[in-house]
C-alpha atoms as a PDB file:
ATOM      1  CA  UNK A   1     -14.092  21.433  24.894  1.00  0.00           C
ATOM      2  CA  UNK A   2     -10.311  21.780  24.980  1.00  0.00           C
ATOM      3  CA  UNK A   3     -10.158  18.924  27.465  1.00  0.00           C
ATOM      4  CA  UNK A   4     -12.097  16.719  25.037  1.00  0.00           C
ATOM      5  CA  UNK A   5      -9.649  17.347  22.193  1.00  0.00           C
ATOM      6  CA  UNK A   6      -6.585  16.817  24.355  1.00  0.00           C
ATOM      7  CA  UNK A   7      -7.884  13.587  25.892  1.00  0.00           C
ATOM      8  CA  UNK A   8      -9.741  12.019  22.938  1.00  0.00           C
ATOM      9  CA  UNK A   9      -9.215  14.001  19.738  1.00  0.00           C
ATOM     10  CA  UNK A  10      -5.446  13.961  19.420  1.00  0.00           C
ATOM     11  CA  UNK A  11      -4.940  10.276  20.326  1.00  0.00           C
ATOM     12  CA  UNK A  12      -7.740   9.316  17.951  1.00  0.00           C
ATOM     13  CA  UNK A  13      -6.206  11.392  15.156  1.00  0.00           C
ATOM     14  CA  UNK A  14      -2.829   9.738  15.737  1.00  0.00           C
ATOM     15  CA  UNK A  15      -4.350   6.254  15.625  1.00  0.00           C
ATOM     16  CA  UNK A  16      -6.211   7.069  12.404  1.00  0.00           C
ATOM     17  CA  UNK A  17      -3.064   8.553  10.822  1.00  0.00           C
ATOM     18  CA  UNK A  18      -0.992   5.507  11.773  1.00  0.00           C
ATOM     19  CA  UNK A  19      -3.657   3.163  10.428  1.00  0.00           C
ATOM     20  CA  UNK A  20      -3.833   5.018   7.117  1.00  0.00           C
ATOM     21  CA  UNK A  21      -0.036   5.040   6.824  1.00  0.00           C
ATOM     22  CA  UNK A  22       0.101   1.296   7.477  1.00  0.00           C
ATOM     23  CA  UNK A  23      -2.665   0.610   4.966  1.00  0.00           C
ATOM     24  CA  UNK A  24      -0.995   2.689   2.248  1.00  0.00           C
ATOM     25  CA  UNK A  25       2.337   0.961   2.896  1.00  0.00           C
ATOM     26  CA  UNK A  26       0.752  -2.484   2.672  1.00  0.00           C
ATOM     27  CA  UNK A  27      -1.070  -1.597  -0.550  1.00  0.00           C
ATOM     28  CA  UNK A  28       2.150  -0.354  -2.153  1.00  0.00           C
ATOM     29  CA  UNK A  29       4.033  -3.503  -1.100  1.00  0.00           C
ATOM     30  CA  UNK A  30       1.278  -5.739  -2.484  1.00  0.00           C
ATOM     31  CA  UNK A  31       1.261  -3.783  -5.752  1.00  0.00           C
ATOM     32  CA  UNK A  32       5.021  -4.244  -6.195  1.00  0.00           C
ATOM     33  CA  UNK A  33       4.809  -7.942  -5.302  1.00  0.00           C
ATOM     34  CA  UNK A  34       2.057  -8.490  -7.878  1.00  0.00           C
ATOM     35  CA  UNK A  35       4.070  -6.605 -10.494  1.00  0.00           C
ATOM     36  CA  UNK A  36       7.155  -8.722  -9.772  1.00  0.00           C
ATOM     37  CA  UNK A  37       5.093 -11.924  -9.832  1.00  0.00           C
ATOM     38  CA  UNK A  38       3.650 -11.050 -13.244  1.00  0.00           C
ATOM     39  CA  UNK A  39       7.118 -10.235 -14.585  1.00  0.00           C
ATOM     40  CA  UNK A  40       8.514 -13.549 -13.330  1.00  0.00           C
ATOM     41  CA  UNK A  41       5.692 -15.609 -14.839  1.00  0.00           C
ATOM     42  CA  UNK A  42       5.991 -13.694 -18.120  1.00  0.00           C
ATOM     43  CA  UNK A  43       9.694 -14.578 -18.200  1.00  0.00           C
ATOM     44  CA  UNK A  44       8.904 -18.221 -17.414  1.00  0.00           C
ATOM     45  CA  UNK A  45       6.471 -18.335 -20.334  1.00  0.00           C
ATOM     46  CA  UNK A  46       8.932 -16.337 -22.495  1.00  0.00           C
ATOM     47  CA  UNK A  47       6.400 -13.647 -23.355  1.00  0.00           C
ATOM     48  CA  UNK A  48       7.843 -10.370 -24.579  1.00  0.00           C
ATOM     49  CA  UNK A  49       4.885  -8.067 -24.052  1.00  0.00           C
ATOM     50  CA  UNK A  50       2.050  -6.505 -25.995  1.00  0.00           C
ATOM     51  CA  UNK A  51       4.109  -3.850 -27.794  1.00  0.00           C
ATOM     52  CA  UNK A  52       6.919  -6.120 -29.091  1.00  0.00           C
ATOM     53  CA  UNK A  53       6.473  -7.914 -32.398  1.00  0.00           C
END
């Protein structure tokens, strides 16, 4: 059983961890890009926001 974990378990866990880290990084980057895009288009249309009279 120890041979199974050393030959398959640990490499699989590392691949899964790297994939999750990459996915989280990409999601955060996309979220910031969307936020910046919305701010730019709001400035282009000269909108102040919902809480400014």
